[in-house]
Amino acid sequence: MARKADEQRLQKAEQLLHSQPGHKSGEYAQKIGCHRQIFNRLLVQLNDRGVLISEDDKGRLWPFSNNS
């Protein structure tokens, strides 16, 4: 059975990813007060909701934008 999404954490994670892009998942986890593994689960949940995040070669996260 899948865990229910913590809506507040999901919203905070999405907000941070958009307002402060370019950090590693551990840094974001620290900012919202959870373990890195939990934050990585939030990334999967955000992806399932259509929030696309890309990771660069250094492990930094960036919101995907189709604006070219």
N, C-alpha and C. Protein backbone atom coordinates (compact mmCIF):
# COMPACT_ATOMS: atom_id res chain seq x y z
N MET A 1 0.85 -1.17 0.00
CA MET A 1 0.00 0.00 0.00
C MET A 1 0.90 1.24 0.00
N ALA A 2 0.60 2.18 -0.84
CA ALA A 2 1.39 3.41 -0.93
C ALA A 2 1.08 4.32 0.25
N ARG A 3 2.08 5.07 0.65
CA ARG A 3 1.88 6.04 1.73
C ARG A 3 1.11 7.24 1.21
N LYS A 4 0.29 7.79 2.07
CA LYS A 4 -0.44 9.00 1.68
C LYS A 4 0.55 10.16 1.60
N ALA A 5 0.37 10.97 0.63
CA ALA A 5 1.26 12.12 0.45
C ALA A 5 1.03 13.13 1.57
N ASP A 6 2.09 13.62 2.12
CA ASP A 6 2.02 14.70 3.10
C ASP A 6 1.90 15.99 2.30
N GLU A 7 0.69 16.49 2.18
CA GLU A 7 0.41 17.64 1.31
C GLU A 7 1.25 18.86 1.65
N GLN A 8 1.44 19.13 2.92
CA GLN A 8 2.22 20.30 3.29
C GLN A 8 3.67 20.15 2.85
N ARG A 9 4.25 18.97 3.05
CA ARG A 9 5.63 18.74 2.60
C ARG A 9 5.73 18.80 1.09
N LEU A 10 4.74 18.23 0.41
CA LEU A 10 4.77 18.28 -1.05
C LEU A 10 4.72 19.71 -1.55
N GLN A 11 3.86 20.51 -0.97
CA GLN A 11 3.75 21.92 -1.38
C GLN A 11 5.03 22.68 -1.08
N LYS A 12 5.61 22.44 0.09
CA LYS A 12 6.85 23.12 0.46
C LYS A 12 7.99 22.68 -0.46
N ALA A 13 8.06 21.40 -0.77
CA ALA A 13 9.10 20.90 -1.66
C ALA A 13 8.98 21.54 -3.04
N GLU A 14 7.77 21.57 -3.58
CA GLU A 14 7.56 22.18 -4.89
C GLU A 14 7.91 23.66 -4.87
N GLN A 15 7.49 24.35 -3.83
CA GLN A 15 7.78 25.77 -3.70
C GLN A 15 9.29 26.01 -3.66
N LEU A 16 10.01 25.23 -2.87
CA LEU A 16 11.47 25.40 -2.78
C LEU A 16 12.16 25.10 -4.10
N LEU A 17 11.73 24.05 -4.77
CA LEU A 17 12.35 23.69 -6.05
C LEU A 17 12.21 24.80 -7.08
N HIS A 18 11.10 25.50 -7.04
CA HIS A 18 10.87 26.58 -8.00
C HIS A 18 11.50 27.90 -7.55
N SER A 19 11.49 28.17 -6.26
CA SER A 19 12.01 29.46 -5.78
C SER A 19 13.52 29.44 -5.53
N GLN A 20 14.07 28.25 -5.26
CA GLN A 20 15.50 28.13 -4.98
C GLN A 20 16.09 26.94 -5.74
N PRO A 21 16.09 26.99 -7.07
CA PRO A 21 16.59 25.84 -7.84
C PRO A 21 18.11 25.70 -7.73
N GLY A 22 18.58 24.50 -8.05
CA GLY A 22 20.02 24.27 -8.14
C GLY A 22 20.68 23.71 -6.90
N HIS A 23 19.89 23.17 -5.97
CA HIS A 23 20.47 22.55 -4.77
C HIS A 23 20.33 21.04 -4.87
N LYS A 24 21.08 20.33 -4.05
CA LYS A 24 20.99 18.87 -3.99
C LYS A 24 19.82 18.48 -3.09
N SER A 25 19.35 17.25 -3.27
CA SER A 25 18.16 16.81 -2.53
C SER A 25 18.36 16.88 -1.02
N GLY A 26 19.56 16.60 -0.54
CA GLY A 26 19.82 16.68 0.90
C GLY A 26 19.65 18.08 1.45
N GLU A 27 20.01 19.07 0.65
CA GLU A 27 19.85 20.47 1.08
C GLU A 27 18.37 20.83 1.18
N TYR A 28 17.59 20.40 0.19
CA TYR A 28 16.15 20.66 0.24
C TYR A 28 15.52 19.93 1.42
N ALA A 29 15.94 18.71 1.64
CA ALA A 29 15.40 17.93 2.76
C ALA A 29 15.64 18.65 4.07
N GLN A 30 16.85 19.17 4.22
CA GLN A 30 17.19 19.91 5.43
C GLN A 30 16.29 21.13 5.60
N LYS A 31 16.03 21.82 4.49
CA LYS A 31 15.21 23.04 4.55
C LYS A 31 13.77 22.76 4.96
N ILE A 32 13.24 21.59 4.59
CA ILE A 32 11.85 21.29 4.98
C ILE A 32 11.78 20.37 6.20
N GLY A 33 12.94 20.00 6.74
CA GLY A 33 12.97 19.24 7.98
C GLY A 33 12.65 17.77 7.85
N CYS A 34 13.20 17.13 6.82
CA CYS A 34 13.00 15.69 6.68
C CYS A 34 14.29 15.03 6.22
N HIS A 35 14.32 13.73 6.21
CA HIS A 35 15.47 12.97 5.76
C HIS A 35 15.52 13.00 4.23
N ARG A 36 16.72 12.88 3.68
CA ARG A 36 16.91 12.92 2.23
C ARG A 36 16.08 11.86 1.51
N GLN A 37 15.98 10.68 2.10
CA GLN A 37 15.19 9.61 1.47
C GLN A 37 13.71 10.00 1.37
N ILE A 38 13.21 10.66 2.38
CA ILE A 38 11.82 11.12 2.35
C ILE A 38 11.66 12.17 1.27
N PHE A 39 12.62 13.09 1.17
CA PHE A 39 12.54 14.11 0.13
C PHE A 39 12.55 13.46 -1.25
N ASN A 40 13.37 12.43 -1.43
CA ASN A 40 13.41 11.75 -2.72
C ASN A 40 12.06 11.09 -3.04
N ARG A 41 11.37 10.61 -2.03
CA ARG A 41 10.01 10.08 -2.25
C ARG A 41 9.06 11.20 -2.66
N LEU A 42 9.25 12.37 -2.06
CA LEU A 42 8.43 13.52 -2.45
C LEU A 42 8.66 13.87 -3.91
N LEU A 43 9.90 13.77 -4.38
CA LEU A 43 10.19 14.04 -5.79
C LEU A 43 9.41 13.09 -6.70
N VAL A 44 9.33 11.83 -6.29
CA VAL A 44 8.57 10.85 -7.08
C VAL A 44 7.09 11.23 -7.08
N GLN A 45 6.57 11.62 -5.93
CA GLN A 45 5.16 12.01 -5.84
C GLN A 45 4.89 13.26 -6.67
N LEU A 46 5.82 14.21 -6.65
CA LEU A 46 5.66 15.41 -7.47
C LEU A 46 5.67 15.04 -8.95
N ASN A 47 6.57 14.14 -9.33
CA ASN A 47 6.63 13.69 -10.71
C ASN A 47 5.30 13.05 -11.13
N ASP A 48 4.74 12.25 -10.24
CA ASP A 48 3.45 11.61 -10.52
C ASP A 48 2.34 12.64 -10.72
N ARG A 49 2.51 13.82 -10.14
CA ARG A 49 1.52 14.89 -10.27
C ARG A 49 1.84 15.83 -11.43
N GLY A 50 2.89 15.51 -12.18
CA GLY A 50 3.22 16.31 -13.35
C GLY A 50 4.23 17.42 -13.11
N VAL A 51 4.82 17.47 -11.93
CA VAL A 51 5.87 18.45 -11.64
C VAL A 51 7.19 17.80 -12.02
N LEU A 52 7.77 18.26 -13.11
CA LEU A 52 8.98 17.63 -13.63
C LEU A 52 10.22 18.35 -13.12
N ILE A 53 11.16 17.57 -12.61
CA ILE A 53 12.41 18.08 -12.06
C ILE A 53 13.55 17.35 -12.76
N SER A 54 14.56 18.10 -13.17
CA SER A 54 15.73 17.47 -13.77
C SER A 54 16.90 17.57 -12.81
N GLU A 55 17.85 16.66 -12.97
CA GLU A 55 19.04 16.62 -12.14
C GLU A 55 20.25 16.75 -13.04
N ASP A 56 21.17 17.65 -12.69
CA ASP A 56 22.35 17.82 -13.51
C ASP A 56 23.44 16.82 -13.10
N ASP A 57 24.59 16.91 -13.75
CA ASP A 57 25.69 15.97 -13.50
C ASP A 57 26.25 16.05 -12.08
N LYS A 58 25.99 17.15 -11.40
CA LYS A 58 26.49 17.33 -10.04
C LYS A 58 25.43 17.00 -8.99
N GLY A 59 24.28 16.51 -9.42
CA GLY A 59 23.22 16.11 -8.49
C GLY A 59 22.32 17.24 -8.05
N ARG A 60 22.44 18.40 -8.70
CA ARG A 60 21.59 19.54 -8.36
C ARG A 60 20.26 19.42 -9.10
N LEU A 61 19.20 19.87 -8.45
CA LEU A 61 17.84 19.73 -8.99
C LEU A 61 17.35 21.03 -9.57
N TRP A 62 16.66 20.91 -10.69
CA TRP A 62 16.14 22.08 -11.42
C TRP A 62 14.73 21.78 -11.90
N PRO A 63 13.80 22.73 -11.73
CA PRO A 63 12.46 22.52 -12.29
C PRO A 63 12.55 22.50 -13.81
N PHE A 64 11.88 21.57 -14.42
CA PHE A 64 11.88 21.45 -15.88
C PHE A 64 11.01 22.56 -16.46
N SER A 65 11.51 23.19 -17.46
CA SER A 65 10.76 24.24 -18.13
C SER A 65 10.83 23.98 -19.62
N ASN A 66 9.71 24.07 -20.28
CA ASN A 66 9.72 23.87 -21.74
C ASN A 66 9.86 25.20 -22.46
N ASN A 67 10.20 26.26 -21.73
CA ASN A 67 10.45 27.56 -22.34
C ASN A 67 11.84 27.55 -22.98
N SER A 68 11.90 27.74 -24.27
CA SER A 68 13.20 27.71 -24.93
C SER A 68 13.56 29.09 -25.46
